[in-house]
Structures are given as structure tokens and as C-alpha cells.
Amino acid sequence: MNAPTADAMRALPKKKWKSPIGKEAIPGYIFISPWLIGFLLLTAWPIGQSLFLSFNEYSMLSAPQWIGTANYERMWNDATFWKSLRVTFTFVLFAVPLRLAFSLLVAMLLNRAMRGMNVYRTLIYFPSLIGGSVAVAALWRNMFGVDGYINSILGFFGIQGMGWISHPDTALYTLILLNTWQFGSTMVIFLAGLKQIPTELYEAASVDGAGPIRKFFNVTLPMLSPVMFFNLVLTVINSFQMFTAAFIITKGGPVQSTYMYALFLYEKAFKHYQMGYASALAWVLLAIVAVLTAINFLASRYWVFYENEGGGKR
């Protein structure tokens, strides 16, 4: 078969180049352009700058100086880094399960059919609207101080109080208690999940002679596992970023017993102006949270139940 000549090739109809963005898609891109510009300038660009600064020595008073991986090597020999990491992991280890368990308990109580239940739900959720604010942290400090409300109540019953936030053995647990008290958003998600569980499952379990405890473990928990997994991931991420309470209530003390990782990062950045080192700390925190999130996703296949056409786990 002979190859086509040059004249024959020129005689063939030429295909017009088409833009990958069709005319019908242009209005959509125009509408999302404010968000896209904001994302690039306020999110993507700062993230890239943070990664770049983590390999530099930078104090905001002079130009960044490239030092390679020196900031990351410095962490290995920084005793304060390991201390803050240990305190944060301890906080997460206790705060996450307590908050999830308490949120689920309250959600189950609010899932009952009672007169005025909507009012109760509103009143219980209302404190969470200001849960992470400085005002709540200051109130918590007044409650658990030496002359605080908690010691006043204990003194009324003849019990000698103590400085809950000024003692290294109890200071961290007051922050854990505060985190557990801020259960509103987690509780609402649990409550929404409970509303989606078919009542037919409980009726069938009752016919089989199942009691409340068996219904909870055989019906409620399996059907609620996707919601529980979602809350678990978010709570772990938020717990590692715990800052406001530690900064306002204890300042990281006493003797660094509440010296959270986020507080350590903040002081390196805005107190000592070691922006390069602080950026490296931020990326290490990101790596830790990413690894734990990946572990949660891998482990979820063994305990998270997703209802589909054939049933079973994903």
C-alpha cells in the first residue's frame, strides 16, 4: 500500500483545535474563580512557603537562609520537642475516647421521644457554640483555680480542695475534662446517625429476645460505625491541634505538664521568631496526623459497617 502523497495530505479536511474548556463550562469557572483565587493565595501558597521555610533559618528580620534538613535534625536532639510530643500524645490518648463515649451517651439520651426534647437538645448544644473560645478557657481557669468554684463546692462538703491547674499531676486532666465537655458537634453527628438506624432492626432484635445491652452492641454500634469512624478521625485531628486551653489556662505549666505541641510550635514562631524551625515543626505535626489518619482508614475495614445492597463491610 502506497503512502499518501503531500498533495493528498493537504486535501484532507483539517480538524479544528478544541479548547478543553467548553463554552458551556466558562460560566462555571467564572463563578468558582473567587474561591479558586482565594485557595491559591490563602492556602496553597502559604503551604508551599511553609515547606520552603522548613529548610531555612528565618527570623522575619532577614532573608531566609538555606540550611537543608538542619531544622529536622535539631528536633531529634531537642528535649522540649519530645516533651511536648509526649504530653500531646497523652492528651489524645485520654481525650479522644472520653469525648467520643460521652458524646455518644448524650446523643442516645437525646434520641428518645420525649416532650420538649428539641428544647433539651438546643440547651445542651448551646455551650458548644462558644466551646473553643478564650472566654470558656478563662472560665475554666477560674473554676479549677485554688480559689475556684470547684474548691468552693468541695469545701461546702468539708473536702479540702487543691490547685487543679497548678499541680503537675492534675493540670493535664483538667484540659482533658474541658475537651470532653466540648462535645456538642460530635454529639450532633452521633444524633444524626442514630436517627438513620431503622427501627425495624430494634424490633427484630426484641423478637429474638435481645435486651438493651445486646441491642446496643449488635444493632446500634454496627449501624453507627461509619459515623463513629468519621467522628474518630476528626476528633484525633482536632486534639493534636489543641492550643487555646493550654495557652490561656496553664501556659504549658506547671513544669511543662500541659506543654502541648501546638503551644511549643507557637512559642518558637511568635515568641522566639524561629520561623524556619516552627515550619518544620508544623510539617512534622502534619506527618504524624497523616500517619494516624491512614492507620484509622486501614483499620476501619475491620470494624466499620457500610450498608449496601448486599450488606456487609466494605
C-alpha atoms as a PDB file:
ATOM      1  CA  MET A   1       0.000   0.000   0.000  1.00  0.00           C
ATOM      2  CA  ASN A   2       1.449   3.334  -1.136  1.00  0.00           C
ATOM      3  CA  ALA A   3       1.857   6.149   1.371  1.00  0.00           C
ATOM      4  CA  PRO A   4      -0.344   9.212   0.762  1.00  0.00           C
ATOM      5  CA  THR A   5       1.313  11.998  -1.173  1.00  0.00           C
ATOM      6  CA  ALA A   6       1.805  15.510   0.158  1.00  0.00           C
ATOM      7  CA  ASP A   7      -0.977  16.835  -2.122  1.00  0.00           C
ATOM      8  CA  ALA A   8      -3.346  14.179  -0.810  1.00  0.00           C
ATOM      9  CA  MET A   9      -2.491  15.088   2.792  1.00  0.00           C
ATOM     10  CA  ARG A  10      -3.218  18.757   2.117  1.00  0.00           C
ATOM     11  CA  ALA A  11      -6.541  17.807   0.556  1.00  0.00           C
ATOM     12  CA  LEU A  12      -7.710  16.088   3.730  1.00  0.00           C
ATOM     13  CA  PRO A  13     -10.062  18.170   5.920  1.00  0.00           C
ATOM     14  CA  LYS A  14      -8.229  19.700   8.832  1.00  0.00           C
ATOM     15  CA  LYS A  15      -9.612  19.190  12.334  1.00  0.00           C
ATOM     16  CA  LYS A  16     -10.157  22.332  14.302  1.00  0.00           C
ATOM     17  CA  TRP A  17      -8.412  22.551  17.675  1.00  0.00           C
ATOM     18  CA  LYS A  18     -10.912  22.459  20.503  1.00  0.00           C
ATOM     19  CA  SER A  19     -10.280  24.001  23.854  1.00  0.00           C
ATOM     20  CA  PRO A  20     -10.510  21.561  26.781  1.00  0.00           C
ATOM     21  CA  ILE A  21     -12.784  24.164  28.374  1.00  0.00           C
ATOM     22  CA  GLY A  22     -16.068  24.217  26.518  1.00  0.00           C
ATOM     23  CA  LYS A  23     -18.119  27.357  26.167  1.00  0.00           C
ATOM     24  CA  GLU A  24     -20.759  25.918  28.462  1.00  0.00           C
ATOM     25  CA  ALA A  25     -18.132  25.448  31.208  1.00  0.00           C
ATOM     26  CA  ILE A  26     -16.847  29.039  31.149  1.00  0.00           C
ATOM     27  CA  PRO A  27     -19.614  30.460  33.412  1.00  0.00           C
ATOM     28  CA  GLY A  28     -18.855  27.727  35.951  1.00  0.00           C
ATOM     29  CA  TYR A  29     -15.189  28.636  36.044  1.00  0.00           C
ATOM     30  CA  ILE A  30     -16.093  32.293  36.412  1.00  0.00           C
ATOM     31  CA  PHE A  31     -18.302  31.527  39.414  1.00  0.00           C
ATOM     32  CA  ILE A  32     -15.641  29.407  41.167  1.00  0.00           C
ATOM     33  CA  SER A  33     -12.802  31.801  40.347  1.00  0.00           C
ATOM     34  CA  PRO A  34     -13.121  33.776  43.655  1.00  0.00           C
ATOM     35  CA  TRP A  35     -12.799  30.549  45.647  1.00  0.00           C
ATOM     36  CA  LEU A  36     -10.018  29.281  43.373  1.00  0.00           C
ATOM     37  CA  ILE A  37      -8.035  32.527  43.695  1.00  0.00           C
ATOM     38  CA  GLY A  38      -8.568  32.508  47.462  1.00  0.00           C
ATOM     39  CA  PHE A  39      -7.432  28.889  47.686  1.00  0.00           C
ATOM     40  CA  LEU A  40      -4.265  29.539  45.689  1.00  0.00           C
ATOM     41  CA  LEU A  41      -3.337  32.746  47.536  1.00  0.00           C
ATOM     42  CA  LEU A  42      -4.510  31.941  51.074  1.00  0.00           C
ATOM     43  CA  THR A  43      -3.994  28.165  51.255  1.00  0.00           C
ATOM     44  CA  ALA A  44      -1.776  26.667  48.561  1.00  0.00           C
ATOM     45  CA  TRP A  45       0.793  29.483  48.570  1.00  0.00           C
ATOM     46  CA  PRO A  46       1.230  29.575  52.390  1.00  0.00           C
ATOM     47  CA  ILE A  47       1.563  25.773  52.444  1.00  0.00           C
ATOM     48  CA  GLY A  48       4.286  25.915  49.818  1.00  0.00           C
ATOM     49  CA  GLN A  49       6.045  28.746  51.657  1.00  0.00           C
ATOM     50  CA  SER A  50       5.892  26.809  54.907  1.00  0.00           C
ATOM     51  CA  LEU A  51       7.518  23.794  53.284  1.00  0.00           C
ATOM     52  CA  PHE A  52      10.232  26.003  51.814  1.00  0.00           C
ATOM     53  CA  LEU A  53      10.877  27.788  55.131  1.00  0.00           C
ATOM     54  CA  SER A  54      11.190  24.461  56.958  1.00  0.00           C
ATOM     55  CA  PHE A  55      14.532  24.035  55.174  1.00  0.00           C
ATOM     56  CA  ASN A  56      15.666  27.551  56.041  1.00  0.00           C
ATOM     57  CA  GLU A  57      16.728  29.615  59.014  1.00  0.00           C
ATOM     58  CA  TYR A  58      14.321  32.522  59.084  1.00  0.00           C
ATOM     59  CA  SER A  59      13.506  35.067  61.778  1.00  0.00           C
ATOM     60  CA  MET A  60      11.352  37.524  59.711  1.00  0.00           C
ATOM     61  CA  LEU A  61      14.073  40.141  60.267  1.00  0.00           C
ATOM     62  CA  SER A  62      16.310  38.921  57.461  1.00  0.00           C
ATOM     63  CA  ALA A  63      16.081  36.889  54.290  1.00  0.00           C
ATOM     64  CA  PRO A  64      15.690  33.106  54.630  1.00  0.00           C
ATOM     65  CA  GLN A  65      18.993  31.230  54.729  1.00  0.00           C
ATOM     66  CA  TRP A  66      19.018  27.708  53.314  1.00  0.00           C
ATOM     67  CA  ILE A  67      20.209  25.140  55.868  1.00  0.00           C
ATOM     68  CA  GLY A  68      18.794  21.946  54.385  1.00  0.00           C
ATOM     69  CA  THR A  69      17.454  19.425  56.889  1.00  0.00           C
ATOM     70  CA  ALA A  70      19.104  21.097  59.903  1.00  0.00           C
ATOM     71  CA  ASN A  71      15.739  22.054  61.415  1.00  0.00           C
ATOM     72  CA  TYR A  72      14.543  18.462  61.320  1.00  0.00           C
ATOM     73  CA  GLU A  73      17.845  17.208  62.733  1.00  0.00           C
ATOM     74  CA  ARG A  74      17.549  19.766  65.518  1.00  0.00           C
ATOM     75  CA  MET A  75      14.251  18.241  66.654  1.00  0.00           C
ATOM     76  CA  TRP A  76      15.917  14.905  67.331  1.00  0.00           C
ATOM     77  CA  ASN A  77      18.135  16.498  69.987  1.00  0.00           C
ATOM     78  CA  ASP A  78      15.507  18.916  71.326  1.00  0.00           C
ATOM     79  CA  ALA A  79      14.267  17.643  74.693  1.00  0.00           C
ATOM     80  CA  THR A  80      11.392  20.141  74.679  1.00  0.00           C
ATOM     81  CA  PHE A  81      10.184  18.748  71.359  1.00  0.00           C
ATOM     82  CA  TRP A  82       9.958  15.234  72.781  1.00  0.00           C
ATOM     83  CA  LYS A  83       8.331  16.545  75.959  1.00  0.00           C
ATOM     84  CA  SER A  84       5.606  18.384  74.028  1.00  0.00           C
ATOM     85  CA  LEU A  85       5.073  15.371  71.822  1.00  0.00           C
ATOM     86  CA  ARG A  86       4.687  13.077  74.836  1.00  0.00           C
ATOM     87  CA  VAL A  87       2.227  15.451  76.527  1.00  0.00           C
ATOM     88  CA  THR A  88       0.180  15.766  73.334  1.00  0.00           C
ATOM     89  CA  PHE A  89       0.006  12.005  72.782  1.00  0.00           C
ATOM     90  CA  THR A  90      -1.086  11.542  76.393  1.00  0.00           C
ATOM     91  CA  PHE A  91      -3.789  14.138  75.917  1.00  0.00           C
ATOM     92  CA  VAL A  92      -5.014  12.496  72.699  1.00  0.00           C
ATOM     93  CA  LEU A  93      -4.945   9.019  74.249  1.00  0.00           C
ATOM     94  CA  PHE A  94      -7.349  10.052  77.020  1.00  0.00           C
ATOM     95  CA  ALA A  95      -9.310  12.905  75.441  1.00  0.00           C
ATOM     96  CA  VAL A  96     -10.415  11.197  72.220  1.00  0.00           C
ATOM     97  CA  PRO A  97     -12.137   8.089  73.684  1.00  0.00           C
ATOM     98  CA  LEU A  98     -13.669  10.090  76.543  1.00  0.00           C
ATOM     99  CA  ARG A  99     -15.147  12.656  74.184  1.00  0.00           C
ATOM    100  CA  LEU A 100     -16.478  10.023  71.799  1.00  0.00           C
ATOM    101  CA  ALA A 101     -18.003   7.932  74.607  1.00  0.00           C
ATOM    102  CA  PHE A 102     -19.594  10.915  76.361  1.00  0.00           C
ATOM    103  CA  SER A 103     -20.906  12.343  73.074  1.00  0.00           C
ATOM    104  CA  LEU A 104     -22.486   9.016  72.167  1.00  0.00           C
ATOM    105  CA  LEU A 105     -24.045   8.700  75.616  1.00  0.00           C
ATOM    106  CA  VAL A 106     -25.618  12.157  75.426  1.00  0.00           C
ATOM    107  CA  ALA A 107     -26.774  11.547  71.843  1.00  0.00           C
ATOM    108  CA  MET A 108     -28.544   8.342  72.880  1.00  0.00           C
ATOM    109  CA  LEU A 109     -30.261  10.164  75.740  1.00  0.00           C
ATOM    110  CA  LEU A 110     -31.398  12.916  73.385  1.00  0.00           C
ATOM    111  CA  ASN A 111     -32.615  10.406  70.811  1.00  0.00           C
ATOM    112  CA  ARG A 112     -35.597   9.449  72.962  1.00  0.00           C
ATOM    113  CA  ALA A 113     -39.131  10.515  72.180  1.00  0.00           C
ATOM    114  CA  MET A 114     -39.960  12.967  74.939  1.00  0.00           C
ATOM    115  CA  ARG A 115     -41.985  16.113  75.182  1.00  0.00           C
ATOM    116  CA  GLY A 116     -39.799  19.201  74.783  1.00  0.00           C
ATOM    117  CA  MET A 117     -36.808  17.178  73.556  1.00  0.00           C
ATOM    118  CA  ASN A 118     -35.935  19.828  70.953  1.00  0.00           C
ATOM    119  CA  VAL A 119     -35.524  22.346  73.769  1.00  0.00           C
ATOM    120  CA  TYR A 120     -33.224  19.997  75.667  1.00  0.00           C
ATOM    121  CA  ARG A 121     -31.122  19.407  72.554  1.00  0.00           C
ATOM    122  CA  THR A 122     -30.744  23.139  71.997  1.00  0.00           C
ATOM    123  CA  LEU A 123     -29.776  23.842  75.599  1.00  0.00           C
ATOM    124  CA  ILE A 124     -27.195  21.029  75.645  1.00  0.00           C
ATOM    125  CA  TYR A 125     -25.664  22.043  72.318  1.00  0.00           C
ATOM    126  CA  PHE A 126     -25.627  25.770  73.051  1.00  0.00           C
ATOM    127  CA  PRO A 127     -22.369  25.806  75.135  1.00  0.00           C
ATOM    128  CA  SER A 128     -20.537  24.235  72.201  1.00  0.00           C
ATOM    129  CA  LEU A 129     -21.116  27.362  70.143  1.00  0.00           C
ATOM    130  CA  ILE A 130     -18.502  29.083  72.310  1.00  0.00           C
ATOM    131  CA  GLY A 131     -16.660  25.901  73.271  1.00  0.00           C
ATOM    132  CA  GLY A 132     -13.246  26.765  71.847  1.00  0.00           C
ATOM    133  CA  SER A 133     -13.229  30.442  72.789  1.00  0.00           C
ATOM    134  CA  VAL A 134     -10.883  32.317  75.083  1.00  0.00           C
ATOM    135  CA  ALA A 135     -13.827  33.160  77.368  1.00  0.00           C
ATOM    136  CA  VAL A 136     -14.512  29.479  78.083  1.00  0.00           C
ATOM    137  CA  ALA A 137     -10.819  28.841  78.774  1.00  0.00           C
ATOM    138  CA  ALA A 138     -10.764  31.750  81.214  1.00  0.00           C
ATOM    139  CA  LEU A 139     -13.925  30.449  82.891  1.00  0.00           C
ATOM    140  CA  TRP A 140     -12.341  27.001  83.206  1.00  0.00           C
ATOM    141  CA  ARG A 141      -9.282  28.555  84.832  1.00  0.00           C
ATOM    142  CA  ASN A 142     -11.477  30.287  87.394  1.00  0.00           C
ATOM    143  CA  MET A 143     -13.397  27.080  88.069  1.00  0.00           C
ATOM    144  CA  PHE A 144     -10.328  24.929  88.760  1.00  0.00           C
ATOM    145  CA  GLY A 145      -8.107  27.518  90.413  1.00  0.00           C
ATOM    146  CA  VAL A 146      -7.141  27.375  94.089  1.00  0.00           C
ATOM    147  CA  ASP A 147      -9.978  29.758  94.942  1.00  0.00           C
ATOM    148  CA  GLY A 148     -12.213  28.493  92.138  1.00  0.00           C
ATOM    149  CA  TYR A 149     -15.766  27.241  92.123  1.00  0.00           C
ATOM    150  CA  ILE A 150     -14.808  23.566  92.271  1.00  0.00           C
ATOM    151  CA  ASN A 151     -12.881  24.009  95.513  1.00  0.00           C
ATOM    152  CA  SER A 152     -15.708  26.131  96.913  1.00  0.00           C
ATOM    153  CA  ILE A 153     -18.177  23.310  96.269  1.00  0.00           C
ATOM    154  CA  LEU A 154     -15.794  20.748  97.778  1.00  0.00           C
ATOM    155  CA  GLY A 155     -15.265  22.997 100.808  1.00  0.00           C
ATOM    156  CA  PHE A 156     -19.028  23.156 101.342  1.00  0.00           C
ATOM    157  CA  PHE A 157     -18.945  19.388 101.918  1.00  0.00           C
ATOM    158  CA  GLY A 158     -15.854  19.606 104.095  1.00  0.00           C
ATOM    159  CA  ILE A 159     -13.417  18.358 101.450  1.00  0.00           C
ATOM    160  CA  GLN A 160     -10.059  20.082 101.142  1.00  0.00           C
ATOM    161  CA  GLY A 161      -9.529  21.276  97.590  1.00  0.00           C
ATOM    162  CA  MET A 162      -6.310  21.797  95.654  1.00  0.00           C
ATOM    163  CA  GLY A 163      -4.873  23.793  92.808  1.00  0.00           C
ATOM    164  CA  TRP A 164      -6.118  21.595  89.984  1.00  0.00           C
ATOM    165  CA  ILE A 165      -4.429  23.593  87.236  1.00  0.00           C
ATOM    166  CA  SER A 166      -1.313  24.415  89.253  1.00  0.00           C
ATOM    167  CA  HIS A 167      -0.396  20.829  90.143  1.00  0.00           C
ATOM    168  CA  PRO A 168       1.536  18.790  87.542  1.00  0.00           C
ATOM    169  CA  ASP A 169      -0.384  15.611  88.376  1.00  0.00           C
ATOM    170  CA  THR A 170      -3.817  17.085  87.646  1.00  0.00           C
ATOM    171  CA  ALA A 171      -3.307  20.020  85.265  1.00  0.00           C
ATOM    172  CA  LEU A 172      -3.429  17.936  82.084  1.00  0.00           C
ATOM    173  CA  TYR A 173      -6.581  16.144  83.206  1.00  0.00           C
ATOM    174  CA  THR A 174      -8.411  19.439  83.647  1.00  0.00           C
ATOM    175  CA  LEU A 175      -7.723  20.131  79.963  1.00  0.00           C
ATOM    176  CA  ILE A 176      -8.928  16.636  79.078  1.00  0.00           C
ATOM    177  CA  LEU A 177     -12.105  17.310  81.035  1.00  0.00           C
ATOM    178  CA  LEU A 178     -12.593  20.598  79.185  1.00  0.00           C
ATOM    179  CA  ASN A 179     -12.154  18.837  75.859  1.00  0.00           C
ATOM    180  CA  THR A 180     -14.734  16.222  76.891  1.00  0.00           C
ATOM    181  CA  TRP A 181     -17.172  18.961  77.906  1.00  0.00           C
ATOM    182  CA  GLN A 182     -16.907  20.463  74.410  1.00  0.00           C
ATOM    183  CA  PHE A 183     -18.831  17.549  72.934  1.00  0.00           C
ATOM    184  CA  GLY A 184     -21.554  19.430  71.075  1.00  0.00           C
ATOM    185  CA  SER A 185     -20.523  18.994  67.443  1.00  0.00           C
ATOM    186  CA  THR A 186     -19.583  15.338  67.943  1.00  0.00           C
ATOM    187  CA  MET A 187     -22.870  14.697  69.725  1.00  0.00           C
ATOM    188  CA  VAL A 188     -24.910  16.244  66.908  1.00  0.00           C
ATOM    189  CA  ILE A 189     -23.243  13.968  64.343  1.00  0.00           C
ATOM    190  CA  PHE A 190     -23.913  10.931  66.532  1.00  0.00           C
ATOM    191  CA  LEU A 191     -27.519  12.024  66.953  1.00  0.00           C
ATOM    192  CA  ALA A 192     -27.943  12.317  63.183  1.00  0.00           C
ATOM    193  CA  GLY A 193     -26.508   8.822  62.787  1.00  0.00           C
ATOM    194  CA  LEU A 194     -28.863   7.389  65.399  1.00  0.00           C
ATOM    195  CA  LYS A 195     -31.820   8.880  63.539  1.00  0.00           C
ATOM    196  CA  GLN A 196     -30.837   6.895  60.433  1.00  0.00           C
ATOM    197  CA  ILE A 197     -30.920   3.475  62.115  1.00  0.00           C
ATOM    198  CA  PRO A 198     -34.123   1.665  61.039  1.00  0.00           C
ATOM    199  CA  THR A 199     -36.444   0.920  63.932  1.00  0.00           C
ATOM    200  CA  GLU A 200     -37.199  -2.439  62.300  1.00  0.00           C
ATOM    201  CA  LEU A 201     -33.780  -3.676  63.399  1.00  0.00           C
ATOM    202  CA  TYR A 202     -34.570  -2.996  67.049  1.00  0.00           C
ATOM    203  CA  GLU A 203     -37.981  -4.615  66.668  1.00  0.00           C
ATOM    204  CA  ALA A 204     -36.405  -7.725  65.153  1.00  0.00           C
ATOM    205  CA  ALA A 205     -33.857  -7.832  67.958  1.00  0.00           C
ATOM    206  CA  SER A 206     -36.656  -7.608  70.514  1.00  0.00           C
ATOM    207  CA  VAL A 207     -38.430 -10.531  68.880  1.00  0.00           C
ATOM    208  CA  ASP A 208     -35.196 -12.531  69.233  1.00  0.00           C
ATOM    209  CA  GLY A 209     -35.171 -11.710  72.934  1.00  0.00           C
ATOM    210  CA  ALA A 210     -32.341  -9.168  72.858  1.00  0.00           C
ATOM    211  CA  GLY A 211     -32.084  -6.768  75.782  1.00  0.00           C
ATOM    212  CA  PRO A 212     -30.859  -3.138  75.752  1.00  0.00           C
ATOM    213  CA  ILE A 213     -27.181  -4.083  76.076  1.00  0.00           C
ATOM    214  CA  ARG A 214     -27.338  -6.651  73.302  1.00  0.00           C
ATOM    215  CA  LYS A 215     -29.216  -4.212  71.065  1.00  0.00           C
ATOM    216  CA  PHE A 216     -26.519  -1.624  71.671  1.00  0.00           C
ATOM    217  CA  PHE A 217     -23.652  -3.918  70.705  1.00  0.00           C
ATOM    218  CA  ASN A 218     -25.411  -5.870  67.933  1.00  0.00           C
ATOM    219  CA  VAL A 219     -27.505  -3.135  66.326  1.00  0.00           C
ATOM    220  CA  THR A 220     -26.532   0.387  67.406  1.00  0.00           C
ATOM    221  CA  LEU A 221     -22.743   0.138  67.235  1.00  0.00           C
ATOM    222  CA  PRO A 222     -22.538  -1.699  63.879  1.00  0.00           C
ATOM    223  CA  MET A 223     -25.025   0.656  62.217  1.00  0.00           C
ATOM    224  CA  LEU A 224     -23.356   3.687  63.792  1.00  0.00           C
ATOM    225  CA  SER A 225     -19.802   2.620  62.939  1.00  0.00           C
ATOM    226  CA  PRO A 226     -19.420   4.891  59.844  1.00  0.00           C
ATOM    227  CA  VAL A 227     -20.449   7.907  61.920  1.00  0.00           C
ATOM    228  CA  MET A 228     -18.166   6.795  64.735  1.00  0.00           C
ATOM    229  CA  PHE A 229     -15.279   6.466  62.295  1.00  0.00           C
ATOM    230  CA  PHE A 230     -15.930   9.967  60.963  1.00  0.00           C
ATOM    231  CA  ASN A 231     -16.010  11.419  64.474  1.00  0.00           C
ATOM    232  CA  LEU A 232     -12.878   9.484  65.420  1.00  0.00           C
ATOM    233  CA  VAL A 233     -10.838  10.903  62.548  1.00  0.00           C
ATOM    234  CA  LEU A 234     -11.985  14.485  63.172  1.00  0.00           C
ATOM    235  CA  THR A 235     -11.501  14.253  66.936  1.00  0.00           C
ATOM    236  CA  VAL A 236      -7.968  12.908  66.587  1.00  0.00           C
ATOM    237  CA  ILE A 237      -7.039  15.704  64.170  1.00  0.00           C
ATOM    238  CA  ASN A 238      -8.569  18.402  66.385  1.00  0.00           C
ATOM    239  CA  SER A 239      -6.958  17.007  69.545  1.00  0.00           C
ATOM    240  CA  PHE A 240      -3.478  17.266  68.064  1.00  0.00           C
ATOM    241  CA  GLN A 241      -4.160  20.954  67.387  1.00  0.00           C
ATOM    242  CA  MET A 242      -5.161  21.670  70.985  1.00  0.00           C
ATOM    243  CA  PHE A 243      -3.837  25.152  71.773  1.00  0.00           C
ATOM    244  CA  THR A 244      -6.279  27.701  73.227  1.00  0.00           C
ATOM    245  CA  ALA A 245      -6.929  25.981  76.559  1.00  0.00           C
ATOM    246  CA  ALA A 246      -3.262  25.194  77.173  1.00  0.00           C
ATOM    247  CA  PHE A 247      -2.273  28.761  76.315  1.00  0.00           C
ATOM    248  CA  ILE A 248      -4.953  30.525  78.363  1.00  0.00           C
ATOM    249  CA  ILE A 249      -5.382  28.197  81.328  1.00  0.00           C
ATOM    250  CA  THR A 250      -1.925  26.809  82.121  1.00  0.00           C
ATOM    251  CA  LYS A 251       0.592  28.478  79.765  1.00  0.00           C
ATOM    252  CA  GLY A 252       2.034  24.995  79.306  1.00  0.00           C
ATOM    253  CA  GLY A 253       2.778  24.545  83.014  1.00  0.00           C
ATOM    254  CA  PRO A 254       3.249  23.604  85.680  1.00  0.00           C
ATOM    255  CA  VAL A 255       6.717  22.195  84.852  1.00  0.00           C
ATOM    256  CA  GLN A 256       5.564  21.695  81.245  1.00  0.00           C
ATOM    257  CA  SER A 257       2.934  19.122  82.247  1.00  0.00           C
ATOM    258  CA  THR A 258       0.495  20.709  79.756  1.00  0.00           C
ATOM    259  CA  TYR A 259       3.049  21.874  77.200  1.00  0.00           C
ATOM    260  CA  MET A 260       1.142  20.898  74.054  1.00  0.00           C
ATOM    261  CA  TYR A 261       2.859  20.522  70.704  1.00  0.00           C
ATOM    262  CA  ALA A 262       0.829  23.394  69.205  1.00  0.00           C
ATOM    263  CA  LEU A 263       1.892  25.636  72.086  1.00  0.00           C
ATOM    264  CA  PHE A 264       5.530  24.674  71.543  1.00  0.00           C
ATOM    265  CA  LEU A 265       5.181  25.498  67.838  1.00  0.00           C
ATOM    266  CA  TYR A 266       3.524  28.837  68.622  1.00  0.00           C
ATOM    267  CA  GLU A 267       6.281  29.914  71.000  1.00  0.00           C
ATOM    268  CA  LYS A 268       9.026  29.007  68.542  1.00  0.00           C
ATOM    269  CA  ALA A 269       7.304  31.022  65.820  1.00  0.00           C
ATOM    270  CA  PHE A 270       5.952  34.104  67.593  1.00  0.00           C
ATOM    271  CA  LYS A 271       7.954  34.286  70.800  1.00  0.00           C
ATOM    272  CA  HIS A 272      11.422  33.301  69.615  1.00  0.00           C
ATOM    273  CA  TYR A 273      10.839  34.204  65.930  1.00  0.00           C
ATOM    274  CA  GLN A 274      12.319  30.925  64.726  1.00  0.00           C
ATOM    275  CA  MET A 275      10.008  30.670  61.744  1.00  0.00           C
ATOM    276  CA  GLY A 276      12.059  28.068  59.927  1.00  0.00           C
ATOM    277  CA  TYR A 277      12.095  25.733  62.907  1.00  0.00           C
ATOM    278  CA  ALA A 278       8.394  26.358  63.547  1.00  0.00           C
ATOM    279  CA  SER A 279       7.586  25.491  59.924  1.00  0.00           C
ATOM    280  CA  ALA A 280       9.484  22.226  60.302  1.00  0.00           C
ATOM    281  CA  LEU A 281       7.518  21.500  63.480  1.00  0.00           C
ATOM    282  CA  ALA A 282       4.283  22.125  61.604  1.00  0.00           C
ATOM    283  CA  TRP A 283       5.226  19.662  58.871  1.00  0.00           C
ATOM    284  CA  VAL A 284       6.166  17.014  61.427  1.00  0.00           C
ATOM    285  CA  LEU A 285       2.747  17.504  63.041  1.00  0.00           C
ATOM    286  CA  LEU A 286       1.143  17.126  59.620  1.00  0.00           C
ATOM    287  CA  ALA A 287       3.070  13.895  59.053  1.00  0.00           C
ATOM    288  CA  ILE A 288       2.017  12.495  62.443  1.00  0.00           C
ATOM    289  CA  VAL A 289      -1.648  13.298  61.866  1.00  0.00           C
ATOM    290  CA  ALA A 290      -1.487  11.916  58.307  1.00  0.00           C
ATOM    291  CA  VAL A 291       0.026   8.622  59.503  1.00  0.00           C
ATOM    292  CA  LEU A 292      -2.575   8.220  62.262  1.00  0.00           C
ATOM    293  CA  THR A 293      -5.371   9.054  59.825  1.00  0.00           C
ATOM    294  CA  ALA A 294      -4.061   6.479  57.359  1.00  0.00           C
ATOM    295  CA  ILE A 295      -3.919   3.873  60.145  1.00  0.00           C
ATOM    296  CA  ASN A 296      -7.526   4.668  61.048  1.00  0.00           C
ATOM    297  CA  PHE A 297      -8.593   4.207  57.432  1.00  0.00           C
ATOM    298  CA  LEU A 298      -6.735   0.908  57.132  1.00  0.00           C
ATOM    299  CA  ALA A 299      -8.169  -0.380  60.404  1.00  0.00           C
ATOM    300  CA  SER A 300     -11.700   0.762  59.518  1.00  0.00           C
ATOM    301  CA  ARG A 301     -12.174  -2.144  57.108  1.00  0.00           C
ATOM    302  CA  TYR A 302     -12.256  -4.489  60.106  1.00  0.00           C
ATOM    303  CA  TRP A 303     -14.861  -2.692  62.201  1.00  0.00           C
ATOM    304  CA  VAL A 304     -16.770  -0.161  60.082  1.00  0.00           C
ATOM    305  CA  PHE A 305     -20.009  -1.494  58.605  1.00  0.00           C
ATOM    306  CA  TYR A 306     -21.328   0.090  55.398  1.00  0.00           C
ATOM    307  CA  GLU A 307     -24.841  -0.913  54.453  1.00  0.00           C
ATOM    308  CA  ASN A 308     -25.247  -1.638  50.736  1.00  0.00           C
ATOM    309  CA  GLU A 309     -27.341  -3.808  48.502  1.00  0.00           C
ATOM    310  CA  GLY A 310     -25.679  -6.985  49.670  1.00  0.00           C
ATOM    311  CA  GLY A 311     -24.836  -5.835  53.190  1.00  0.00           C
ATOM    312  CA  GLY A 312     -21.538  -6.420  54.913  1.00  0.00           C
ATOM    313  CA  LYS A 313     -18.379  -4.442  55.421  1.00  0.00           C
ATOM    314  CA  ARG A 314     -16.598  -2.581  52.703  1.00  0.00           C
END
